Protein backbone atom coordinates (compact mmCIF):
# COMPACT_ATOMS: atom_id res chain seq x y z
CA UNK A 1 0.00 0.00 0.00
CA UNK A 2 2.83 2.38 0.86
CA UNK A 3 4.44 1.74 -2.51
CA UNK A 4 1.15 2.32 -4.36
CA UNK A 5 0.33 5.55 -2.55
CA UNK A 6 3.88 6.81 -2.96
CA UNK A 7 3.74 6.25 -6.70
CA UNK A 8 2.65 8.91 -9.18
CA UNK A 9 -0.40 6.80 -10.07
CA UNK A 10 -1.67 7.02 -6.50
CA UNK A 11 -1.59 10.79 -6.68
CA UNK A 12 -3.21 10.75 -10.12
CA UNK A 13 -6.10 8.61 -8.85
CA UNK A 14 -6.66 10.98 -5.92
CA UNK A 15 -6.62 13.98 -8.23
CA UNK A 16 -9.02 12.29 -10.66
CA UNK A 17 -11.48 11.44 -7.88
CA UNK A 18 -11.35 14.99 -6.57
CA UNK A 19 -11.91 16.34 -10.10
CA UNK A 20 -14.92 14.05 -10.57
CA UNK A 21 -16.33 15.23 -7.26
CA UNK A 22 -15.86 18.89 -8.23
CA UNK A 23 -17.42 18.34 -11.65
CA UNK A 24 -20.44 16.66 -10.09
CA UNK A 25 -21.15 19.73 -7.95
CA UNK A 26 -23.48 21.32 -10.49
CA UNK A 27 -25.44 18.09 -10.81
CA UNK A 28 -26.06 17.96 -7.05
CA UNK A 29 -26.59 21.74 -6.81
CA UNK A 30 -23.55 22.11 -4.53
CA UNK A 31 -25.53 20.76 -1.59
CA UNK A 32 -24.23 20.20 1.92
CA UNK A 33 -24.37 16.44 1.32
CA UNK A 34 -22.20 16.90 -1.76
CA UNK A 35 -19.63 18.78 0.34
CA UNK A 36 -19.89 16.29 3.20
CA UNK A 37 -18.88 13.47 0.86
CA UNK A 38 -15.49 15.01 0.03
CA UNK A 39 -14.91 16.14 3.61
CA UNK A 40 -15.59 12.65 4.95
CA UNK A 41 -13.50 10.99 2.25
CA UNK A 42 -10.47 13.22 2.73
CA UNK A 43 -10.65 12.92 6.52
CA UNK A 44 -10.81 9.13 6.27
CA UNK A 45 -7.93 9.02 3.77
CA UNK A 46 -5.77 11.33 5.90
CA UNK A 47 -6.46 9.23 8.99
CA UNK A 48 -5.40 6.04 7.22
CA UNK A 49 -2.34 7.68 5.66
CA UNK A 50 -1.08 8.66 9.13
CA UNK A 51 -1.06 5.00 10.13
CA UNK A 52 0.49 3.98 6.82
CA UNK A 53 3.30 6.51 7.24
CA UNK A 54 3.91 5.45 10.83
CA UNK A 55 4.04 1.78 9.83
CA UNK A 56 6.54 2.41 7.04
CA UNK A 57 8.70 4.53 9.36
CA UNK A 58 8.66 1.75 11.94
CA UNK A 59 9.70 -0.80 9.32
CA UNK A 60 12.46 1.51 8.13
CA UNK A 61 13.67 1.94 11.70
CA UNK A 62 13.79 -1.80 12.27
CA UNK A 63 15.63 -2.35 8.98
CA UNK A 64 18.27 0.19 9.89
C-alpha cells in the first residue's frame, strides 16, 4: 500500500477522484451532502495515511 500511494499513479487517482467530485457539484446543486462526501472521504484518507506513514517509518527503523 505504501508503494502504491507513494507512486505517481496514486496521486493521479486521488486527483481524478477529486476532479470528478468537483465536476459533479453542479449536478447535485452544490448541496451540503455533496460537500460532506469530500470532507468525509479526505478525513478518512488522511487518517489512514497517518497510520500507513507510521508503519513504514517503523519498518524503516527496524531495517536500519
